């Protein structure tokens, strides 16, 4: 029922209607309207504001790097394979395995007077371990013919790049759980090493010929901890 000012005045000044009943009726209506207004604007005000104000959180990642190194002599024309498995303790100490960097280095050590640098080629097959193998930032193969380092890169935790985030809604526990997974990086990574030795002409420079190369592989596993704070 919609009560207009005209209707109210007609009821109040009507000679037919009992005025006490009319006053009582409108008193009840006004009381109910005042009650609902009180509840809305005073009692539930904080709840209403809270519903409309979504909490924001800053998400930061603290990285820790675990490094391991291994060397292998690779014979000219042959292939050697090195393997890497992250320490299981790292999975319990941190929220996740972010990414893996591999540095392949060598220096010319064979042949007469050292000789020119050999050609070294390497590749990491996308198998054997859980990682974001299709990530566009991955570098899974490389080569060098001037003794410079070969740098490879694998994104392990899907969506991870180490940069801080701002997230609206949720709670710290829920956000932290989204960045906690000990399955990423589990398994064994392998790298294939190949050497094409550069031999000198023995008729021009006599001496021992280069037929192998010592290659050093450094695995840098970057694990991270999650820090979630209200903004």
C-alpha atoms as a PDB file:
ATOM      1  CA  UNK A   1       0.000   0.000   0.000  1.00  0.00           C
ATOM      2  CA  UNK A   2       1.413   3.404  -1.026  1.00  0.00           C
ATOM      3  CA  UNK A   3       0.569   6.296   1.328  1.00  0.00           C
ATOM      4  CA  UNK A   4       0.570   9.722  -0.267  1.00  0.00           C
ATOM      5  CA  UNK A   5       0.357  13.022   1.601  1.00  0.00           C
ATOM      6  CA  UNK A   6      -3.148  13.573   0.204  1.00  0.00           C
ATOM      7  CA  UNK A   7      -4.317  10.167   1.450  1.00  0.00           C
ATOM      8  CA  UNK A   8      -2.913  10.771   4.912  1.00  0.00           C
ATOM      9  CA  UNK A   9      -4.609  14.196   5.209  1.00  0.00           C
ATOM     10  CA  UNK A  10      -7.929  12.808   4.028  1.00  0.00           C
ATOM     11  CA  UNK A  11      -7.797  10.090   6.664  1.00  0.00           C
ATOM     12  CA  UNK A  12      -6.859  12.515   9.423  1.00  0.00           C
ATOM     13  CA  UNK A  13      -9.627  15.032   8.726  1.00  0.00           C
ATOM     14  CA  UNK A  14     -12.303  12.547   7.713  1.00  0.00           C
ATOM     15  CA  UNK A  15     -15.332  12.629   9.969  1.00  0.00           C
ATOM     16  CA  UNK A  16     -16.218   9.015   9.191  1.00  0.00           C
ATOM     17  CA  UNK A  17     -13.034   7.262  10.312  1.00  0.00           C
ATOM     18  CA  UNK A  18     -12.216   6.823  13.995  1.00  0.00           C
ATOM     19  CA  UNK A  19      -9.256   9.141  14.499  1.00  0.00           C
ATOM     20  CA  UNK A  20      -7.621   7.046  17.256  1.00  0.00           C
ATOM     21  CA  UNK A  21      -7.505   4.030  14.990  1.00  0.00           C
ATOM     22  CA  UNK A  22      -6.043   6.104  12.154  1.00  0.00           C
ATOM     23  CA  UNK A  23      -3.365   7.634  14.380  1.00  0.00           C
ATOM     24  CA  UNK A  24      -2.495   4.205  15.716  1.00  0.00           C
ATOM     25  CA  UNK A  25      -2.210   2.779  12.201  1.00  0.00           C
ATOM     26  CA  UNK A  26       0.077   5.540  10.964  1.00  0.00           C
ATOM     27  CA  UNK A  27       2.049   5.346  14.180  1.00  0.00           C
ATOM     28  CA  UNK A  28       2.764   1.677  13.567  1.00  0.00           C
ATOM     29  CA  UNK A  29       3.763   2.394   9.968  1.00  0.00           C
ATOM     30  CA  UNK A  30       6.142   5.199  11.004  1.00  0.00           C
ATOM     31  CA  UNK A  31       7.599   3.024  13.757  1.00  0.00           C
ATOM     32  CA  UNK A  32       8.339   0.213  11.319  1.00  0.00           C
ATOM     33  CA  UNK A  33       9.915   2.599   8.829  1.00  0.00           C
ATOM     34  CA  UNK A  34      12.076   4.120  11.568  1.00  0.00           C
ATOM     35  CA  UNK A  35      13.137   0.673  12.751  1.00  0.00           C
ATOM     36  CA  UNK A  36      14.255  -0.461   9.293  1.00  0.00           C
ATOM     37  CA  UNK A  37      16.075   2.818   8.722  1.00  0.00           C
ATOM     38  CA  UNK A  38      17.886   2.370  12.039  1.00  0.00           C
ATOM     39  CA  UNK A  39      18.935  -1.173  11.175  1.00  0.00           C
ATOM     40  CA  UNK A  40      20.128  -0.199   7.691  1.00  0.00           C
ATOM     41  CA  UNK A  41      22.021   2.983   8.470  1.00  0.00           C
ATOM     42  CA  UNK A  42      23.347   2.216  11.959  1.00  0.00           C
ATOM     43  CA  UNK A  43      23.415  -1.467  12.900  1.00  0.00           C
ATOM     44  CA  UNK A  44      24.313  -2.908   9.457  1.00  0.00           C
ATOM     45  CA  UNK A  45      26.328   0.075   8.223  1.00  0.00           C
ATOM     46  CA  UNK A  46      29.693  -1.528   8.902  1.00  0.00           C
ATOM     47  CA  UNK A  47      28.630  -4.824   7.337  1.00  0.00           C
ATOM     48  CA  UNK A  48      27.345  -3.072   4.235  1.00  0.00           C
ATOM     49  CA  UNK A  49      30.564  -1.084   3.880  1.00  0.00           C
ATOM     50  CA  UNK A  50      32.629  -4.238   4.367  1.00  0.00           C
ATOM     51  CA  UNK A  51      30.732  -6.002   1.585  1.00  0.00           C
ATOM     52  CA  UNK A  52      31.442  -3.172  -0.821  1.00  0.00           C
ATOM     53  CA  UNK A  53      35.078  -2.712   0.214  1.00  0.00           C
ATOM     54  CA  UNK A  54      37.113  -5.656  -1.191  1.00  0.00           C
ATOM     55  CA  UNK A  55      40.379  -6.217   0.664  1.00  0.00           C
ATOM     56  CA  UNK A  56      43.556  -6.038  -1.418  1.00  0.00           C
ATOM     57  CA  UNK A  57      46.773  -7.922  -0.724  1.00  0.00           C
ATOM     58  CA  UNK A  58      50.364  -7.558  -1.882  1.00  0.00           C
ATOM     59  CA  UNK A  59      52.050 -10.841  -2.804  1.00  0.00           C
ATOM     60  CA  UNK A  60      55.857 -10.930  -2.741  1.00  0.00           C
ATOM     61  CA  UNK A  61      58.260 -13.776  -3.439  1.00  0.00           C
ATOM     62  CA  UNK A  62      61.503 -14.321  -1.546  1.00  0.00           C
ATOM     63  CA  UNK A  63      63.869 -16.450  -3.609  1.00  0.00           C
ATOM     64  CA  UNK A  64      66.549 -18.846  -2.478  1.00  0.00           C
ATOM     65  CA  UNK A  65      69.025 -20.358  -4.942  1.00  0.00           C
ATOM     66  CA  UNK A  66      70.479 -23.834  -4.625  1.00  0.00           C
ATOM     67  CA  UNK A  67      73.553 -24.373  -6.837  1.00  0.00           C
ATOM     68  CA  UNK A  68      75.237 -27.610  -7.870  1.00  0.00           C
ATOM     69  CA  UNK A  69      78.082 -28.107 -10.358  1.00  0.00           C
ATOM     70  CA  UNK A  70      79.409 -31.101 -12.262  1.00  0.00           C
ATOM     71  CA  UNK A  71      82.088 -31.513 -14.945  1.00  0.00           C
ATOM     72  CA  UNK A  72      82.391 -34.117 -17.669  1.00  0.00           C
ATOM     73  CA  UNK A  73      84.958 -34.809 -20.397  1.00  0.00           C
ATOM     74  CA  UNK A  74      83.142 -35.281 -23.698  1.00  0.00           C
ATOM     75  CA  UNK A  75      84.910 -37.039 -26.564  1.00  0.00           C
ATOM     76  CA  UNK A  76      84.766 -35.509 -30.032  1.00  0.00           C
ATOM     77  CA  UNK A  77      81.727 -36.736 -31.949  1.00  0.00           C
ATOM     78  CA  UNK A  78      80.128 -38.374 -28.931  1.00  0.00           C
ATOM     79  CA  UNK A  79      77.379 -37.327 -26.549  1.00  0.00           C
ATOM     80  CA  UNK A  80      77.248 -37.303 -22.765  1.00  0.00           C
ATOM     81  CA  UNK A  81      74.232 -36.817 -20.525  1.00  0.00           C
ATOM     82  CA  UNK A  82      74.202 -35.197 -17.096  1.00  0.00           C
ATOM     83  CA  UNK A  83      71.223 -35.343 -14.730  1.00  0.00           C
ATOM     84  CA  UNK A  84      69.877 -33.096 -11.992  1.00  0.00           C
ATOM     85  CA  UNK A  85      67.344 -33.699  -9.234  1.00  0.00           C
ATOM     86  CA  UNK A  86      66.499 -30.968  -6.708  1.00  0.00           C
ATOM     87  CA  UNK A  87      67.071 -31.716  -3.033  1.00  0.00           C
ATOM     88  CA  UNK A  88      63.840 -32.953  -1.443  1.00  0.00           C
ATOM     89  CA  UNK A  89      64.414 -30.713   1.601  1.00  0.00           C
ATOM     90  CA  UNK A  90      63.938 -27.638  -0.585  1.00  0.00           C
ATOM     91  CA  UNK A  91      60.333 -28.609  -1.283  1.00  0.00           C
ATOM     92  CA  UNK A  92      59.479 -28.606   2.415  1.00  0.00           C
ATOM     93  CA  UNK A  93      61.469 -25.443   3.212  1.00  0.00           C
ATOM     94  CA  UNK A  94      59.845 -23.302   0.494  1.00  0.00           C
ATOM     95  CA  UNK A  95      56.452 -22.858  -1.164  1.00  0.00           C
ATOM     96  CA  UNK A  96      57.565 -23.712  -4.676  1.00  0.00           C
ATOM     97  CA  UNK A  97      60.290 -24.289  -7.271  1.00  0.00           C
ATOM     98  CA  UNK A  98      60.177 -21.184  -9.471  1.00  0.00           C
ATOM     99  CA  UNK A  99      62.669 -21.722 -12.282  1.00  0.00           C
ATOM    100  CA  UNK A 100      65.892 -23.499 -13.203  1.00  0.00           C
ATOM    101  CA  UNK A 101      68.945 -21.856 -14.770  1.00  0.00           C
ATOM    102  CA  UNK A 102      71.681 -23.954 -16.386  1.00  0.00           C
ATOM    103  CA  UNK A 103      75.100 -22.586 -17.318  1.00  0.00           C
ATOM    104  CA  UNK A 104      77.350 -24.664 -19.567  1.00  0.00           C
ATOM    105  CA  UNK A 105      80.958 -23.505 -19.655  1.00  0.00           C
ATOM    106  CA  UNK A 106      84.221 -24.744 -21.159  1.00  0.00           C
ATOM    107  CA  UNK A 107      87.662 -23.532 -22.220  1.00  0.00           C
ATOM    108  CA  UNK A 108      89.920 -24.885 -24.923  1.00  0.00           C
ATOM    109  CA  UNK A 109      92.279 -27.340 -23.232  1.00  0.00           C
ATOM    110  CA  UNK A 110      93.449 -29.694 -25.975  1.00  0.00           C
ATOM    111  CA  UNK A 111      95.530 -29.618 -29.128  1.00  0.00           C
ATOM    112  CA  UNK A 112      98.786 -27.879 -29.872  1.00  0.00           C
ATOM    113  CA  UNK A 113      99.189 -24.589 -28.011  1.00  0.00           C
ATOM    114  CA  UNK A 114      95.597 -24.895 -26.861  1.00  0.00           C
ATOM    115  CA  UNK A 115      94.217 -24.450 -30.369  1.00  0.00           C
ATOM    116  CA  UNK A 116      90.937 -22.767 -31.329  1.00  0.00           C
ATOM    117  CA  UNK A 117      87.737 -23.325 -29.327  1.00  0.00           C
ATOM    118  CA  UNK A 118      85.730 -26.442 -29.988  1.00  0.00           C
ATOM    119  CA  UNK A 119      82.055 -26.287 -30.850  1.00  0.00           C
ATOM    120  CA  UNK A 120      79.831 -27.382 -27.965  1.00  0.00           C
ATOM    121  CA  UNK A 121      76.098 -27.910 -28.352  1.00  0.00           C
ATOM    122  CA  UNK A 122      73.641 -28.771 -25.591  1.00  0.00           C
ATOM    123  CA  UNK A 123      69.941 -29.476 -25.242  1.00  0.00           C
ATOM    124  CA  UNK A 124      67.500 -30.358 -22.483  1.00  0.00           C
ATOM    125  CA  UNK A 125      64.695 -32.746 -23.487  1.00  0.00           C
ATOM    126  CA  UNK A 126      61.296 -31.627 -22.096  1.00  0.00           C
ATOM    127  CA  UNK A 127      60.752 -34.896 -20.269  1.00  0.00           C
ATOM    128  CA  UNK A 128      61.592 -36.534 -16.978  1.00  0.00           C
ATOM    129  CA  UNK A 129      60.516 -33.712 -14.650  1.00  0.00           C
ATOM    130  CA  UNK A 130      57.405 -31.634 -14.012  1.00  0.00           C
ATOM    131  CA  UNK A 131      57.812 -28.097 -15.420  1.00  0.00           C
ATOM    132  CA  UNK A 132      56.094 -25.485 -17.563  1.00  0.00           C
ATOM    133  CA  UNK A 133      57.772 -26.895 -20.664  1.00  0.00           C
ATOM    134  CA  UNK A 134      55.714 -24.832 -23.116  1.00  0.00           C
ATOM    135  CA  UNK A 135      56.500 -21.463 -21.535  1.00  0.00           C
ATOM    136  CA  UNK A 136      57.729 -18.955 -24.179  1.00  0.00           C
ATOM    137  CA  UNK A 137      60.621 -17.842 -21.943  1.00  0.00           C
ATOM    138  CA  UNK A 138      62.191 -21.295 -21.878  1.00  0.00           C
ATOM    139  CA  UNK A 139      65.609 -21.786 -23.489  1.00  0.00           C
ATOM    140  CA  UNK A 140      66.131 -25.503 -23.908  1.00  0.00           C
ATOM    141  CA  UNK A 141      69.069 -25.629 -26.343  1.00  0.00           C
ATOM    142  CA  UNK A 142      72.164 -23.685 -27.319  1.00  0.00           C
ATOM    143  CA  UNK A 143      75.680 -23.873 -28.709  1.00  0.00           C
ATOM    144  CA  UNK A 144      79.007 -22.099 -28.597  1.00  0.00           C
ATOM    145  CA  UNK A 145      82.104 -22.124 -30.810  1.00  0.00           C
ATOM    146  CA  UNK A 146      84.106 -19.404 -29.040  1.00  0.00           C
ATOM    147  CA  UNK A 147      84.333 -20.819 -25.494  1.00  0.00           C
ATOM    148  CA  UNK A 148      81.570 -18.508 -24.245  1.00  0.00           C
ATOM    149  CA  UNK A 149      79.027 -19.794 -21.742  1.00  0.00           C
ATOM    150  CA  UNK A 150      75.775 -21.361 -22.907  1.00  0.00           C
ATOM    151  CA  UNK A 151      72.834 -20.256 -20.754  1.00  0.00           C
ATOM    152  CA  UNK A 152      69.603 -22.256 -20.574  1.00  0.00           C
ATOM    153  CA  UNK A 153      66.388 -21.477 -18.685  1.00  0.00           C
ATOM    154  CA  UNK A 154      63.297 -23.443 -17.659  1.00  0.00           C
ATOM    155  CA  UNK A 155      60.158 -22.091 -15.970  1.00  0.00           C
ATOM    156  CA  UNK A 156      59.199 -24.691 -13.370  1.00  0.00           C
ATOM    157  CA  UNK A 157      56.199 -23.323 -11.414  1.00  0.00           C
ATOM    158  CA  UNK A 158      53.456 -22.478 -13.909  1.00  0.00           C
ATOM    159  CA  UNK A 159      52.816 -18.730 -14.068  1.00  0.00           C
ATOM    160  CA  UNK A 160      55.789 -17.801 -11.889  1.00  0.00           C
ATOM    161  CA  UNK A 161      58.112 -14.943 -12.869  1.00  0.00           C
ATOM    162  CA  UNK A 162      59.259 -13.659  -9.491  1.00  0.00           C
ATOM    163  CA  UNK A 163      57.448 -10.321  -9.770  1.00  0.00           C
ATOM    164  CA  UNK A 164      55.246  -8.945  -6.978  1.00  0.00           C
ATOM    165  CA  UNK A 165      51.452  -9.096  -7.375  1.00  0.00           C
ATOM    166  CA  UNK A 166      48.410  -7.212  -6.097  1.00  0.00           C
ATOM    167  CA  UNK A 167      45.332  -9.395  -5.533  1.00  0.00           C
ATOM    168  CA  UNK A 168      41.815  -8.260  -4.591  1.00  0.00           C
ATOM    169  CA  UNK A 169      39.648 -10.525  -2.459  1.00  0.00           C
ATOM    170  CA  UNK A 170      40.303 -13.827  -0.796  1.00  0.00           C
ATOM    171  CA  UNK A 171      42.437 -14.227   2.308  1.00  0.00           C
ATOM    172  CA  UNK A 172      46.170 -14.756   2.991  1.00  0.00           C
ATOM    173  CA  UNK A 173      45.829 -18.517   3.496  1.00  0.00           C
ATOM    174  CA  UNK A 174      43.946 -18.978   0.242  1.00  0.00           C
ATOM    175  CA  UNK A 175      46.426 -16.859  -1.729  1.00  0.00           C
ATOM    176  CA  UNK A 176      49.409 -18.661  -0.216  1.00  0.00           C
ATOM    177  CA  UNK A 177      47.911 -22.033  -1.112  1.00  0.00           C
ATOM    178  CA  UNK A 178      47.650 -20.937  -4.756  1.00  0.00           C
ATOM    179  CA  UNK A 179      51.432 -20.483  -4.785  1.00  0.00           C
ATOM    180  CA  UNK A 180      52.259 -23.665  -2.904  1.00  0.00           C
ATOM    181  CA  UNK A 181      52.891 -26.843  -4.857  1.00  0.00           C
ATOM    182  CA  UNK A 182      55.701 -29.359  -4.355  1.00  0.00           C
ATOM    183  CA  UNK A 183      54.910 -31.239  -7.569  1.00  0.00           C
ATOM    184  CA  UNK A 184      56.453 -28.617  -9.853  1.00  0.00           C
ATOM    185  CA  UNK A 185      60.074 -29.569 -10.466  1.00  0.00           C
ATOM    186  CA  UNK A 186      59.737 -33.104  -9.173  1.00  0.00           C
ATOM    187  CA  UNK A 187      61.593 -35.686 -11.213  1.00  0.00           C
ATOM    188  CA  UNK A 188      64.949 -35.655 -12.994  1.00  0.00           C
ATOM    189  CA  UNK A 189      66.192 -33.077 -15.495  1.00  0.00           C
ATOM    190  CA  UNK A 190      68.794 -34.151 -18.036  1.00  0.00           C
ATOM    191  CA  UNK A 191      71.098 -32.265 -20.386  1.00  0.00           C
ATOM    192  CA  UNK A 192      72.794 -33.684 -23.467  1.00  0.00           C
ATOM    193  CA  UNK A 193      76.346 -32.498 -24.216  1.00  0.00           C
ATOM    194  CA  UNK A 194      77.937 -32.740 -27.655  1.00  0.00           C
ATOM    195  CA  UNK A 195      81.436 -31.723 -28.775  1.00  0.00           C
ATOM    196  CA  UNK A 196      82.746 -31.071 -32.260  1.00  0.00           C
ATOM    197  CA  UNK A 197      86.484 -30.741 -31.660  1.00  0.00           C
ATOM    198  CA  UNK A 198      88.462 -28.402 -33.891  1.00  0.00           C
ATOM    199  CA  UNK A 199      91.654 -30.154 -34.969  1.00  0.00           C
ATOM    200  CA  UNK A 200      94.689 -28.372 -36.332  1.00  0.00           C
ATOM    201  CA  UNK A 201      96.486 -29.451 -39.477  1.00  0.00           C
ATOM    202  CA  UNK A 202      99.308 -31.677 -38.182  1.00  0.00           C
ATOM    203  CA  UNK A 203     101.386 -30.788 -41.274  1.00  0.00           C
ATOM    204  CA  UNK A 204     101.370 -27.125 -40.230  1.00  0.00           C
ATOM    205  CA  UNK A 205     101.589 -27.361 -36.448  1.00  0.00           C
ATOM    206  CA  UNK A 206     102.801 -30.712 -35.160  1.00  0.00           C
ATOM    207  CA  UNK A 207     101.704 -31.881 -31.767  1.00  0.00           C
ATOM    208  CA  UNK A 208      98.826 -33.579 -29.984  1.00  0.00           C
ATOM    209  CA  UNK A 209      95.448 -33.214 -31.655  1.00  0.00           C
ATOM    210  CA  UNK A 210      92.268 -32.095 -29.890  1.00  0.00           C
ATOM    211  CA  UNK A 211      89.772 -34.950 -29.546  1.00  0.00           C
ATOM    212  CA  UNK A 212      87.739 -34.089 -26.425  1.00  0.00           C
ATOM    213  CA  UNK A 213      86.621 -31.232 -24.181  1.00  0.00           C
ATOM    214  CA  UNK A 214      85.955 -30.802 -20.478  1.00  0.00           C
ATOM    215  CA  UNK A 215      82.521 -29.246 -19.949  1.00  0.00           C
ATOM    216  CA  UNK A 216      81.175 -27.863 -16.675  1.00  0.00           C
ATOM    217  CA  UNK A 217      77.433 -27.679 -16.020  1.00  0.00           C
ATOM    218  CA  UNK A 218      76.044 -25.490 -13.216  1.00  0.00           C
ATOM    219  CA  UNK A 219      72.455 -26.025 -12.119  1.00  0.00           C
ATOM    220  CA  UNK A 220      70.847 -23.075 -10.280  1.00  0.00           C
ATOM    221  CA  UNK A 221      67.478 -24.019  -8.789  1.00  0.00           C
ATOM    222  CA  UNK A 222      65.455 -20.987  -7.668  1.00  0.00           C
ATOM    223  CA  UNK A 223      62.921 -21.795  -4.946  1.00  0.00           C
ATOM    224  CA  UNK A 224      60.633 -19.185  -3.411  1.00  0.00           C
ATOM    225  CA  UNK A 225      58.658 -18.346  -0.274  1.00  0.00           C
ATOM    226  CA  UNK A 226      55.362 -16.411  -0.461  1.00  0.00           C
ATOM    227  CA  UNK A 227      54.703 -13.306   1.641  1.00  0.00           C
ATOM    228  CA  UNK A 228      51.095 -12.024   1.647  1.00  0.00           C
ATOM    229  CA  UNK A 229      50.227  -8.705   3.342  1.00  0.00           C
ATOM    230  CA  UNK A 230      47.139  -6.511   3.484  1.00  0.00           C
ATOM    231  CA  UNK A 231      47.356  -3.228   1.606  1.00  0.00           C
END
